[in-house]
Amino acid sequence: MLMLNKTEMNPASFILNGIPGLEDIHLWISFPFCSMYVVAMVGNCGLLYLIHYEDSLHRPMYYFLAMLSLTDLVMCSSTIPKALCIFWFHLKEIGFDECLVQMFFIHTFTGMESGVLMLMALDRYVAICYPLRYSTILTNPVIAKAGFFTFLRGVLLIIPFTFLTKRLPYCRGNVIHHTYCDHMSVAKLSCGHIKVNAIYGLMVALLIGGCDILCITVSYTMILREVVSLSSPEARQKAFSTCIAHICAIVFSYSPAFFSFFSHRFGGHTIPPSCHIIVANIYLLLPPTMNPVVYGVKTKQIRDCVIRIFSGSKNTKPRGI
């Protein structure tokens, strides 16, 4: 009876243990984490500033890029500051409700990251396959609605995570061997039935990731067909060059996700837990760090705006989006 009463209580807080097995080098691990986080914050804030104030960037492609930058800022800020507190100050405690809030933001905005990448693939499809109708198809209201529904999809699919996790009885301690509150990392501390959590988590991953990857694949298949049909090599190269930055963003976003997904299911006993946790952090930190760098280097309009700002030339008036 005493055990039953204990299992019906939620813990007041959890202990985030960081990266198990690598506690002695947490300080050294923190330096690349901190450096990447600074680059992510500066780069994405810089992109948002450029897109807001430069008239030449007030186009659908850059509005979607602004959505991606906002998503990246929230995604990495929901985990890295807490991870750095663990590494630097050993502040490992996190309240139960605070843990659920962190879980909600992490999973919502990773889902939104995938959704925005899908919208950007559709943007490239329209730009290359229907260039004359580009501005009439992707109007500002259409872009705003697409962004809103992508966010709403993430919120509606992730909210059940918090309720499914909150309902569980916890009697296996309160130490989470991770740097943040991941859904299944928290659920595994429960002595209750977590099969529903596992099944629903897999369903959400398939609904969001599977559908988005399918749309991206179909979009680029159509783009390749259109590019190959162009008559001159110069036209083919120019058309496909507008997709390079987006393809890099897809690689940076999905590569760590695929590695984490397949290693958990097929290499769980051979890959050490510390590797899983490092990859899970890279999954949330690499896209926000690299996306502004790639778009800044590969996109001529953004590169020209940066050069103009640093050279002190002001050819455009500030104007809201």
C-alpha atoms as a PDB file:
ATOM      1  CA  MET A   1       0.000   0.000   0.000  1.00  0.00           C
ATOM      2  CA  LEU A   2       2.884   2.330   0.817  1.00  0.00           C
ATOM      3  CA  MET A   3       4.462   1.574  -2.581  1.00  0.00           C
ATOM      4  CA  LEU A   4       1.150   2.323  -4.317  1.00  0.00           C
ATOM      5  CA  ASN A   5       0.921   5.723  -2.640  1.00  0.00           C
ATOM      6  CA  LYS A   6       4.469   6.551  -3.696  1.00  0.00           C
ATOM      7  CA  THR A   7       3.844   5.691  -7.332  1.00  0.00           C
ATOM      8  CA  GLU A   8       0.861   8.001  -7.500  1.00  0.00           C
ATOM      9  CA  MET A   9       3.019  11.058  -6.806  1.00  0.00           C
ATOM     10  CA  ASN A  10       4.861  13.178  -9.320  1.00  0.00           C
ATOM     11  CA  PRO A  11       8.370  14.301  -8.339  1.00  0.00           C
ATOM     12  CA  ALA A  12       8.804  17.959  -7.425  1.00  0.00           C
ATOM     13  CA  SER A  13      11.825  18.135  -9.730  1.00  0.00           C
ATOM     14  CA  PHE A  14      14.162  16.131 -11.921  1.00  0.00           C
ATOM     15  CA  ILE A  15      17.956  16.051 -12.014  1.00  0.00           C
ATOM     16  CA  LEU A  16      19.452  16.477 -15.482  1.00  0.00           C
ATOM     17  CA  ASN A  17      22.712  14.553 -15.276  1.00  0.00           C
ATOM     18  CA  GLY A  18      24.313  15.970 -18.418  1.00  0.00           C
ATOM     19  CA  ILE A  19      26.320  13.498 -20.510  1.00  0.00           C
ATOM     20  CA  PRO A  20      26.840  10.289 -18.490  1.00  0.00           C
ATOM     21  CA  GLY A  21      30.376   8.929 -18.529  1.00  0.00           C
ATOM     22  CA  LEU A  22      31.837  12.271 -19.626  1.00  0.00           C
ATOM     23  CA  GLU A  23      31.254  14.271 -16.417  1.00  0.00           C
ATOM     24  CA  ASP A  24      34.990  14.959 -16.069  1.00  0.00           C
ATOM     25  CA  ILE A  25      35.130  16.780 -19.395  1.00  0.00           C
ATOM     26  CA  HIS A  26      31.816  18.641 -19.205  1.00  0.00           C
ATOM     27  CA  LEU A  27      33.741  21.927 -19.087  1.00  0.00           C
ATOM     28  CA  TRP A  28      35.575  21.134 -22.323  1.00  0.00           C
ATOM     29  CA  ILE A  29      32.390  19.951 -24.034  1.00  0.00           C
ATOM     30  CA  SER A  30      30.739  23.240 -23.101  1.00  0.00           C
ATOM     31  CA  PHE A  31      33.105  25.322 -25.264  1.00  0.00           C
ATOM     32  CA  PRO A  32      31.953  24.032 -28.688  1.00  0.00           C
ATOM     33  CA  PHE A  33      28.353  24.074 -27.433  1.00  0.00           C
ATOM     34  CA  CYS A  34      28.681  27.688 -26.320  1.00  0.00           C
ATOM     35  CA  SER A  35      30.511  28.747 -29.504  1.00  0.00           C
ATOM     36  CA  MET A  36      27.864  27.189 -31.744  1.00  0.00           C
ATOM     37  CA  TYR A  37      25.085  28.760 -29.678  1.00  0.00           C
ATOM     38  CA  VAL A  38      26.640  32.230 -30.010  1.00  0.00           C
ATOM     39  CA  VAL A  39      27.006  31.774 -33.778  1.00  0.00           C
ATOM     40  CA  ALA A  40      23.389  30.584 -33.968  1.00  0.00           C
ATOM     41  CA  MET A  41      22.063  33.573 -32.029  1.00  0.00           C
ATOM     42  CA  VAL A  42      24.120  36.171 -33.891  1.00  0.00           C
ATOM     43  CA  GLY A  43      23.559  34.592 -37.308  1.00  0.00           C
ATOM     44  CA  ASN A  44      19.800  34.109 -37.021  1.00  0.00           C
ATOM     45  CA  CYS A  45      19.216  37.517 -35.408  1.00  0.00           C
ATOM     46  CA  GLY A  46      21.308  39.040 -38.191  1.00  0.00           C
ATOM     47  CA  LEU A  47      19.214  37.288 -40.835  1.00  0.00           C
ATOM     48  CA  LEU A  48      15.988  38.499 -39.236  1.00  0.00           C
ATOM     49  CA  TYR A  49      17.366  42.058 -39.156  1.00  0.00           C
ATOM     50  CA  LEU A  50      18.340  41.933 -42.842  1.00  0.00           C
ATOM     51  CA  ILE A  51      15.017  40.464 -43.957  1.00  0.00           C
ATOM     52  CA  HIS A  52      13.089  43.059 -41.937  1.00  0.00           C
ATOM     53  CA  TYR A  53      14.971  46.142 -43.113  1.00  0.00           C
ATOM     54  CA  GLU A  54      16.121  45.324 -46.664  1.00  0.00           C
ATOM     55  CA  ASP A  55      13.469  45.956 -49.307  1.00  0.00           C
ATOM     56  CA  SER A  56      15.212  43.618 -51.755  1.00  0.00           C
ATOM     57  CA  LEU A  57      14.625  40.697 -49.354  1.00  0.00           C
ATOM     58  CA  HIS A  58      10.865  41.215 -49.063  1.00  0.00           C
ATOM     59  CA  ARG A  59      10.099  38.125 -51.116  1.00  0.00           C
ATOM     60  CA  PRO A  60       8.499  34.737 -50.295  1.00  0.00           C
ATOM     61  CA  MET A  61      11.805  32.859 -50.173  1.00  0.00           C
ATOM     62  CA  TYR A  62      13.150  35.183 -47.478  1.00  0.00           C
ATOM     63  CA  TYR A  63       9.909  35.225 -45.487  1.00  0.00           C
ATOM     64  CA  PHE A  64      10.204  31.446 -45.208  1.00  0.00           C
ATOM     65  CA  LEU A  65      13.855  31.912 -44.233  1.00  0.00           C
ATOM     66  CA  ALA A  66      12.725  34.306 -41.490  1.00  0.00           C
ATOM     67  CA  MET A  67      10.360  31.592 -40.198  1.00  0.00           C
ATOM     68  CA  LEU A  68      13.270  29.145 -40.183  1.00  0.00           C
ATOM     69  CA  SER A  69      15.469  31.589 -38.254  1.00  0.00           C
ATOM     70  CA  LEU A  70      12.774  32.221 -35.629  1.00  0.00           C
ATOM     71  CA  THR A  71      12.243  28.485 -35.255  1.00  0.00           C
ATOM     72  CA  ASP A  72      15.989  27.893 -34.901  1.00  0.00           C
ATOM     73  CA  LEU A  73      16.318  30.581 -32.234  1.00  0.00           C
ATOM     74  CA  VAL A  74      13.572  29.049 -30.085  1.00  0.00           C
ATOM     75  CA  MET A  75      14.753  25.490 -30.714  1.00  0.00           C
ATOM     76  CA  CYS A  76      18.340  25.977 -29.536  1.00  0.00           C
ATOM     77  CA  SER A  77      17.435  28.459 -26.764  1.00  0.00           C
ATOM     78  CA  SER A  78      15.094  25.899 -25.192  1.00  0.00           C
ATOM     79  CA  THR A  79      18.003  23.533 -24.448  1.00  0.00           C
ATOM     80  CA  ILE A  80      21.497  25.040 -24.681  1.00  0.00           C
ATOM     81  CA  PRO A  81      21.314  27.618 -21.823  1.00  0.00           C
ATOM     82  CA  LYS A  82      20.245  24.859 -19.420  1.00  0.00           C
ATOM     83  CA  ALA A  83      22.948  22.526 -20.760  1.00  0.00           C
ATOM     84  CA  LEU A  84      25.585  25.225 -20.189  1.00  0.00           C
ATOM     85  CA  CYS A  85      24.306  25.719 -16.621  1.00  0.00           C
ATOM     86  CA  ILE A  86      24.816  21.983 -16.071  1.00  0.00           C
ATOM     87  CA  PHE A  87      28.321  22.035 -17.559  1.00  0.00           C
ATOM     88  CA  TRP A  88      29.526  25.238 -15.888  1.00  0.00           C
ATOM     89  CA  PHE A  89      27.684  25.577 -12.586  1.00  0.00           C
ATOM     90  CA  HIS A  90      26.336  22.047 -11.923  1.00  0.00           C
ATOM     91  CA  LEU A  91      22.796  23.458 -11.808  1.00  0.00           C
ATOM     92  CA  LYS A  92      21.169  20.154 -12.659  1.00  0.00           C
ATOM     93  CA  GLU A  93      17.770  20.509 -11.015  1.00  0.00           C
ATOM     94  CA  ILE A  94      14.708  21.306 -13.113  1.00  0.00           C
ATOM     95  CA  GLY A  95      11.137  21.520 -11.819  1.00  0.00           C
ATOM     96  CA  PHE A  96       8.597  18.956 -12.985  1.00  0.00           C
ATOM     97  CA  ASP A  97       6.385  21.536 -14.710  1.00  0.00           C
ATOM     98  CA  GLU A  98       9.434  23.343 -16.094  1.00  0.00           C
ATOM     99  CA  CYS A  99      10.582  20.022 -17.538  1.00  0.00           C
ATOM    100  CA  LEU A 100       7.225  19.536 -19.274  1.00  0.00           C
ATOM    101  CA  VAL A 101       7.370  23.075 -20.701  1.00  0.00           C
ATOM    102  CA  GLN A 102      10.888  22.467 -22.032  1.00  0.00           C
ATOM    103  CA  MET A 103       9.722  19.186 -23.566  1.00  0.00           C
ATOM    104  CA  PHE A 104       6.819  20.963 -25.275  1.00  0.00           C
ATOM    105  CA  PHE A 105       9.030  23.675 -26.801  1.00  0.00           C
ATOM    106  CA  ILE A 106      11.699  21.206 -27.962  1.00  0.00           C
ATOM    107  CA  HIS A 107       9.320  18.871 -29.759  1.00  0.00           C
ATOM    108  CA  THR A 108       7.030  21.625 -31.095  1.00  0.00           C
ATOM    109  CA  PHE A 109       9.823  23.599 -32.711  1.00  0.00           C
ATOM    110  CA  THR A 110      11.732  20.587 -34.035  1.00  0.00           C
ATOM    111  CA  GLY A 111       8.462  19.675 -35.737  1.00  0.00           C
ATOM    112  CA  MET A 112       8.099  23.235 -36.998  1.00  0.00           C
ATOM    113  CA  GLU A 113      11.691  23.167 -38.306  1.00  0.00           C
ATOM    114  CA  SER A 114      10.768  20.174 -40.436  1.00  0.00           C
ATOM    115  CA  GLY A 115       7.558  21.879 -41.570  1.00  0.00           C
ATOM    116  CA  VAL A 116       9.318  25.091 -42.598  1.00  0.00           C
ATOM    117  CA  LEU A 117      11.909  23.113 -44.587  1.00  0.00           C
ATOM    118  CA  MET A 118       8.986  21.470 -46.381  1.00  0.00           C
ATOM    119  CA  LEU A 119       7.423  24.884 -47.115  1.00  0.00           C
ATOM    120  CA  MET A 120      10.767  26.114 -48.452  1.00  0.00           C
ATOM    121  CA  ALA A 121      10.918  23.096 -50.782  1.00  0.00           C
ATOM    122  CA  LEU A 122       7.455  23.986 -52.098  1.00  0.00           C
ATOM    123  CA  ASP A 123       8.649  27.582 -52.526  1.00  0.00           C
ATOM    124  CA  ARG A 124      11.558  26.397 -54.690  1.00  0.00           C
ATOM    125  CA  TYR A 125       9.196  24.157 -56.671  1.00  0.00           C
ATOM    126  CA  VAL A 126       6.884  27.081 -57.490  1.00  0.00           C
ATOM    127  CA  ALA A 127       9.824  29.418 -58.247  1.00  0.00           C
ATOM    128  CA  ILE A 128      11.415  27.002 -60.740  1.00  0.00           C
ATOM    129  CA  CYS A 129       8.393  25.238 -62.229  1.00  0.00           C
ATOM    130  CA  TYR A 130       6.003  28.241 -62.317  1.00  0.00           C
ATOM    131  CA  PRO A 131       8.276  31.324 -62.358  1.00  0.00           C
ATOM    132  CA  LEU A 132       5.730  33.620 -64.046  1.00  0.00           C
ATOM    133  CA  ARG A 133       3.071  32.842 -61.433  1.00  0.00           C
ATOM    134  CA  TYR A 134       5.448  32.838 -58.441  1.00  0.00           C
ATOM    135  CA  SER A 135       4.359  36.166 -56.948  1.00  0.00           C
ATOM    136  CA  THR A 136       0.656  35.469 -57.518  1.00  0.00           C
ATOM    137  CA  ILE A 137       0.745  31.965 -55.972  1.00  0.00           C
ATOM    138  CA  LEU A 138       2.898  32.779 -52.934  1.00  0.00           C
ATOM    139  CA  THR A 139       1.233  35.964 -51.724  1.00  0.00           C
ATOM    140  CA  ASN A 140       1.810  37.340 -48.229  1.00  0.00           C
ATOM    141  CA  PRO A 141      -1.532  35.987 -46.884  1.00  0.00           C
ATOM    142  CA  VAL A 142      -0.716  32.518 -48.264  1.00  0.00           C
ATOM    143  CA  ILE A 143       2.737  32.593 -46.633  1.00  0.00           C
ATOM    144  CA  ALA A 144       1.291  33.747 -43.304  1.00  0.00           C
ATOM    145  CA  LYS A 145      -1.367  31.000 -43.359  1.00  0.00           C
ATOM    146  CA  ALA A 146       1.206  28.348 -44.270  1.00  0.00           C
ATOM    147  CA  GLY A 147       3.444  29.405 -41.383  1.00  0.00           C
ATOM    148  CA  PHE A 148       0.530  29.520 -38.939  1.00  0.00           C
ATOM    149  CA  PHE A 149      -0.768  26.059 -39.876  1.00  0.00           C
ATOM    150  CA  THR A 150       2.746  24.619 -39.639  1.00  0.00           C
ATOM    151  CA  PHE A 151       3.027  26.001 -36.109  1.00  0.00           C
ATOM    152  CA  LEU A 152      -0.511  24.860 -35.233  1.00  0.00           C
ATOM    153  CA  ARG A 153       0.244  21.342 -36.476  1.00  0.00           C
ATOM    154  CA  GLY A 154       3.218  21.112 -34.134  1.00  0.00           C
ATOM    155  CA  VAL A 155       1.307  22.463 -31.139  1.00  0.00           C
ATOM    156  CA  LEU A 156      -1.695  20.159 -31.588  1.00  0.00           C
ATOM    157  CA  LEU A 157       0.462  17.055 -32.076  1.00  0.00           C
ATOM    158  CA  ILE A 158       2.875  17.796 -29.202  1.00  0.00           C
ATOM    159  CA  ILE A 159       0.406  18.910 -26.499  1.00  0.00           C
ATOM    160  CA  PRO A 160      -0.612  15.263 -25.836  1.00  0.00           C
ATOM    161  CA  PHE A 161       3.050  14.525 -24.947  1.00  0.00           C
ATOM    162  CA  THR A 162       2.754  16.701 -21.847  1.00  0.00           C
ATOM    163  CA  PHE A 163      -0.491  15.070 -20.692  1.00  0.00           C
ATOM    164  CA  LEU A 164       0.761  11.541 -21.409  1.00  0.00           C
ATOM    165  CA  THR A 165       3.919  12.270 -19.428  1.00  0.00           C
ATOM    166  CA  LYS A 166       2.188  14.069 -16.563  1.00  0.00           C
ATOM    167  CA  ARG A 167      -0.249  11.202 -15.959  1.00  0.00           C
ATOM    168  CA  LEU A 168       2.549   8.664 -15.375  1.00  0.00           C
ATOM    169  CA  PRO A 169       3.535   7.540 -11.859  1.00  0.00           C
ATOM    170  CA  TYR A 170       7.242   8.049 -11.134  1.00  0.00           C
ATOM    171  CA  CYS A 171       8.999   5.632  -8.796  1.00  0.00           C
ATOM    172  CA  ARG A 172      12.349   4.953 -10.504  1.00  0.00           C
ATOM    173  CA  GLY A 173      14.111   8.010  -9.187  1.00  0.00           C
ATOM    174  CA  ASN A 174      14.273  11.467 -10.679  1.00  0.00           C
ATOM    175  CA  VAL A 175      17.659  11.435 -12.444  1.00  0.00           C
ATOM    176  CA  ILE A 176      17.468  11.983 -16.210  1.00  0.00           C
ATOM    177  CA  HIS A 177      20.661  10.980 -18.022  1.00  0.00           C
ATOM    178  CA  HIS A 178      20.408  13.786 -20.523  1.00  0.00           C
ATOM    179  CA  THR A 179      21.000  17.525 -20.866  1.00  0.00           C
ATOM    180  CA  TYR A 180      17.313  18.289 -21.479  1.00  0.00           C
ATOM    181  CA  CYS A 181      13.844  16.832 -20.927  1.00  0.00           C
ATOM    182  CA  ASP A 182      13.228  14.571 -23.873  1.00  0.00           C
ATOM    183  CA  HIS A 183       9.824  12.869 -23.977  1.00  0.00           C
ATOM    184  CA  MET A 184      10.986   9.251 -23.722  1.00  0.00           C
ATOM    185  CA  SER A 185      13.883  10.056 -21.364  1.00  0.00           C
ATOM    186  CA  VAL A 186      11.347  11.342 -18.853  1.00  0.00           C
ATOM    187  CA  ALA A 187       8.792   8.590 -19.519  1.00  0.00           C
ATOM    188  CA  LYS A 188      11.387   5.863 -18.865  1.00  0.00           C
ATOM    189  CA  LEU A 189      11.630   7.015 -15.232  1.00  0.00           C
ATOM    190  CA  SER A 190       8.041   5.908 -14.723  1.00  0.00           C
ATOM    191  CA  CYS A 191       7.061   2.553 -13.288  1.00  0.00           C
ATOM    192  CA  GLY A 192       3.755   2.770 -15.167  1.00  0.00           C
ATOM    193  CA  HIS A 193       2.865   1.637 -18.670  1.00  0.00           C
ATOM    194  CA  ILE A 194       4.674   3.814 -21.234  1.00  0.00           C
ATOM    195  CA  LYS A 195       3.669   1.830 -24.325  1.00  0.00           C
ATOM    196  CA  VAL A 196       1.117   4.517 -25.237  1.00  0.00           C
ATOM    197  CA  ASN A 197       3.861   7.166 -24.983  1.00  0.00           C
ATOM    198  CA  ALA A 198       6.179   5.163 -27.234  1.00  0.00           C
ATOM    199  CA  ILE A 199       3.487   4.438 -29.837  1.00  0.00           C
ATOM    200  CA  TYR A 200       2.243   8.030 -29.916  1.00  0.00           C
ATOM    201  CA  GLY A 201       5.809   9.352 -30.176  1.00  0.00           C
ATOM    202  CA  LEU A 202       6.453   7.115 -33.180  1.00  0.00           C
ATOM    203  CA  MET A 203       3.155   8.195 -34.765  1.00  0.00           C
ATOM    204  CA  VAL A 204       4.047  11.883 -34.384  1.00  0.00           C
ATOM    205  CA  ALA A 205       7.511  11.289 -35.856  1.00  0.00           C
ATOM    206  CA  LEU A 206       5.939   9.586 -38.879  1.00  0.00           C
ATOM    207  CA  LEU A 207       3.190  12.192 -39.270  1.00  0.00           C
ATOM    208  CA  ILE A 208       5.566  15.138 -39.131  1.00  0.00           C
ATOM    209  CA  GLY A 209       8.890  13.820 -40.408  1.00  0.00           C
ATOM    210  CA  GLY A 210       7.452  11.255 -42.825  1.00  0.00           C
ATOM    211  CA  CYS A 211       4.972  13.629 -44.456  1.00  0.00           C
ATOM    212  CA  ASP A 212       7.488  16.475 -44.695  1.00  0.00           C
ATOM    213  CA  ILE A 213      10.218  14.275 -46.177  1.00  0.00           C
ATOM    214  CA  LEU A 214       7.713  12.907 -48.708  1.00  0.00           C
ATOM    215  CA  CYS A 215       6.698  16.449 -49.755  1.00  0.00           C
ATOM    216  CA  ILE A 216      10.351  17.536 -50.001  1.00  0.00           C
ATOM    217  CA  THR A 217      11.199  14.470 -52.110  1.00  0.00           C
ATOM    218  CA  VAL A 218       8.269  15.028 -54.476  1.00  0.00           C
ATOM    219  CA  SER A 219       9.098  18.751 -54.790  1.00  0.00           C
ATOM    220  CA  TYR A 220      12.732  18.102 -55.697  1.00  0.00           C
ATOM    221  CA  THR A 221      11.761  15.336 -58.105  1.00  0.00           C
ATOM    222  CA  MET A 222       9.595  17.846 -59.968  1.00  0.00           C
ATOM    223  CA  ILE A 223      12.352  20.462 -59.745  1.00  0.00           C
ATOM    224  CA  LEU A 224      14.912  18.055 -61.231  1.00  0.00           C
ATOM    225  CA  ARG A 225      12.543  17.208 -64.088  1.00  0.00           C
ATOM    226  CA  GLU A 226      12.072  20.901 -64.831  1.00  0.00           C
ATOM    227  CA  VAL A 227      15.789  21.729 -64.564  1.00  0.00           C
ATOM    228  CA  VAL A 228      16.802  18.832 -66.837  1.00  0.00           C
ATOM    229  CA  SER A 229      14.300  19.997 -69.468  1.00  0.00           C
ATOM    230  CA  LEU A 230      15.924  23.443 -69.699  1.00  0.00           C
ATOM    231  CA  SER A 231      17.810  23.983 -72.950  1.00  0.00           C
ATOM    232  CA  SER A 232      21.042  25.678 -71.868  1.00  0.00           C
ATOM    233  CA  PRO A 233      23.543  24.490 -69.205  1.00  0.00           C
ATOM    234  CA  GLU A 234      23.689  28.047 -67.835  1.00  0.00           C
ATOM    235  CA  ALA A 235      19.942  28.092 -67.237  1.00  0.00           C
ATOM    236  CA  ARG A 236      20.090  24.680 -65.541  1.00  0.00           C
ATOM    237  CA  GLN A 237      22.944  25.763 -63.298  1.00  0.00           C
ATOM    238  CA  LYS A 238      21.244  29.052 -62.387  1.00  0.00           C
ATOM    239  CA  ALA A 239      17.943  27.337 -61.592  1.00  0.00           C
ATOM    240  CA  PHE A 240      19.460  24.634 -59.419  1.00  0.00           C
ATOM    241  CA  SER A 241      21.869  27.028 -57.655  1.00  0.00           C
ATOM    242  CA  THR A 242      18.862  28.656 -55.950  1.00  0.00           C
ATOM    243  CA  CYS A 243      18.235  25.317 -54.184  1.00  0.00           C
ATOM    244  CA  ILE A 244      21.753  24.645 -52.872  1.00  0.00           C
ATOM    245  CA  ALA A 245      21.338  26.517 -49.578  1.00  0.00           C
ATOM    246  CA  HIS A 246      18.014  24.790 -48.914  1.00  0.00           C
ATOM    247  CA  ILE A 247      19.483  21.354 -49.675  1.00  0.00           C
ATOM    248  CA  CYS A 248      22.292  22.068 -47.187  1.00  0.00           C
ATOM    249  CA  ALA A 249      19.702  23.071 -44.568  1.00  0.00           C
ATOM    250  CA  ILE A 250      17.865  19.782 -45.148  1.00  0.00           C
ATOM    251  CA  VAL A 251      21.099  17.795 -44.727  1.00  0.00           C
ATOM    252  CA  PHE A 252      22.036  19.621 -41.505  1.00  0.00           C
ATOM    253  CA  SER A 253      18.564  19.111 -40.076  1.00  0.00           C
ATOM    254  CA  TYR A 254      17.738  15.531 -41.017  1.00  0.00           C
ATOM    255  CA  SER A 255      21.174  13.837 -40.826  1.00  0.00           C
ATOM    256  CA  PRO A 256      21.488  13.964 -36.999  1.00  0.00           C
ATOM    257  CA  ALA A 257      17.777  13.078 -36.698  1.00  0.00           C
ATOM    258  CA  PHE A 258      18.172   9.955 -38.863  1.00  0.00           C
ATOM    259  CA  PHE A 259      21.347   8.916 -37.035  1.00  0.00           C
ATOM    260  CA  SER A 260      19.643   9.306 -33.668  1.00  0.00           C
ATOM    261  CA  PHE A 261      16.496   7.467 -34.818  1.00  0.00           C
ATOM    262  CA  PHE A 262      18.260   4.456 -36.342  1.00  0.00           C
ATOM    263  CA  SER A 263      20.996   4.191 -33.701  1.00  0.00           C
ATOM    264  CA  HIS A 264      18.364   4.008 -30.946  1.00  0.00           C
ATOM    265  CA  ARG A 265      16.517   1.196 -32.707  1.00  0.00           C
ATOM    266  CA  PHE A 266      19.331  -0.815 -34.288  1.00  0.00           C
ATOM    267  CA  GLY A 267      22.491   0.139 -32.375  1.00  0.00           C
ATOM    268  CA  GLY A 268      21.193   0.820 -28.895  1.00  0.00           C
ATOM    269  CA  HIS A 269      23.491  -1.718 -27.206  1.00  0.00           C
ATOM    270  CA  THR A 270      26.639  -1.026 -29.232  1.00  0.00           C
ATOM    271  CA  ILE A 271      26.627   2.806 -29.245  1.00  0.00           C
ATOM    272  CA  PRO A 272      27.365   4.345 -25.818  1.00  0.00           C
ATOM    273  CA  PRO A 273      24.678   6.562 -24.221  1.00  0.00           C
ATOM    274  CA  SER A 274      27.039   9.548 -24.266  1.00  0.00           C
ATOM    275  CA  CYS A 275      27.122   9.362 -28.080  1.00  0.00           C
ATOM    276  CA  HIS A 276      23.314   9.321 -28.258  1.00  0.00           C
ATOM    277  CA  ILE A 277      23.101  12.412 -26.038  1.00  0.00           C
ATOM    278  CA  ILE A 278      25.781  14.350 -27.938  1.00  0.00           C
ATOM    279  CA  VAL A 279      24.011  13.611 -31.257  1.00  0.00           C
ATOM    280  CA  ALA A 280      20.670  14.638 -29.703  1.00  0.00           C
ATOM    281  CA  ASN A 281      22.208  18.000 -28.784  1.00  0.00           C
ATOM    282  CA  ILE A 282      23.824  18.389 -32.204  1.00  0.00           C
ATOM    283  CA  TYR A 283      20.394  17.722 -33.743  1.00  0.00           C
ATOM    284  CA  LEU A 284      19.068  20.821 -31.926  1.00  0.00           C
ATOM    285  CA  LEU A 285      22.195  22.961 -32.331  1.00  0.00           C
ATOM    286  CA  LEU A 286      23.704  22.217 -35.756  1.00  0.00           C
ATOM    287  CA  PRO A 287      20.836  23.526 -37.966  1.00  0.00           C
ATOM    288  CA  PRO A 288      20.517  26.872 -36.099  1.00  0.00           C
ATOM    289  CA  THR A 289      24.295  27.307 -36.317  1.00  0.00           C
ATOM    290  CA  MET A 290      24.797  26.376 -39.962  1.00  0.00           C
ATOM    291  CA  ASN A 291      21.628  27.682 -41.641  1.00  0.00           C
ATOM    292  CA  PRO A 292      22.507  31.404 -41.414  1.00  0.00           C
ATOM    293  CA  VAL A 293      26.104  30.659 -42.439  1.00  0.00           C
ATOM    294  CA  VAL A 294      25.044  28.648 -45.494  1.00  0.00           C
ATOM    295  CA  TYR A 295      22.384  31.135 -46.579  1.00  0.00           C
ATOM    296  CA  GLY A 296      24.797  34.013 -46.024  1.00  0.00           C
ATOM    297  CA  VAL A 297      27.457  32.385 -48.202  1.00  0.00           C
ATOM    298  CA  LYS A 298      25.292  30.799 -50.903  1.00  0.00           C
ATOM    299  CA  THR A 299      22.605  33.477 -51.376  1.00  0.00           C
ATOM    300  CA  LYS A 300      23.825  36.424 -53.453  1.00  0.00           C
ATOM    301  CA  GLN A 301      21.121  38.852 -52.304  1.00  0.00           C
ATOM    302  CA  ILE A 302      21.934  38.278 -48.613  1.00  0.00           C
ATOM    303  CA  ARG A 303      25.658  38.455 -49.307  1.00  0.00           C
ATOM    304  CA  ASP A 304      25.248  41.759 -51.167  1.00  0.00           C
ATOM    305  CA  CYS A 305      23.163  43.216 -48.312  1.00  0.00           C
ATOM    306  CA  VAL A 306      25.810  42.268 -45.749  1.00  0.00           C
ATOM    307  CA  ILE A 307      28.588  43.782 -47.870  1.00  0.00           C
ATOM    308  CA  ARG A 308      26.564  46.970 -48.355  1.00  0.00           C
ATOM    309  CA  ILE A 309      25.902  47.315 -44.613  1.00  0.00           C
ATOM    310  CA  PHE A 310      29.537  46.756 -43.639  1.00  0.00           C
ATOM    311  CA  SER A 311      30.743  49.124 -46.361  1.00  0.00           C
ATOM    312  CA  GLY A 312      28.475  51.848 -44.939  1.00  0.00           C
ATOM    313  CA  SER A 313      26.337  52.215 -48.062  1.00  0.00           C
ATOM    314  CA  LYS A 314      22.604  52.829 -47.530  1.00  0.00           C
ATOM    315  CA  ASN A 315      20.653  52.331 -50.708  1.00  0.00           C
ATOM    316  CA  THR A 316      17.386  51.282 -49.124  1.00  0.00           C
ATOM    317  CA  LYS A 317      15.056  52.776 -46.579  1.00  0.00           C
ATOM    318  CA  PRO A 318      14.129  50.776 -43.505  1.00  0.00           C
ATOM    319  CA  ARG A 319      10.678  49.344 -43.868  1.00  0.00           C
ATOM    320  CA  GLY A 320       8.658  46.749 -42.004  1.00  0.00           C
ATOM    321  CA  ILE A 321       7.966  43.347 -43.509  1.00  0.00           C
END
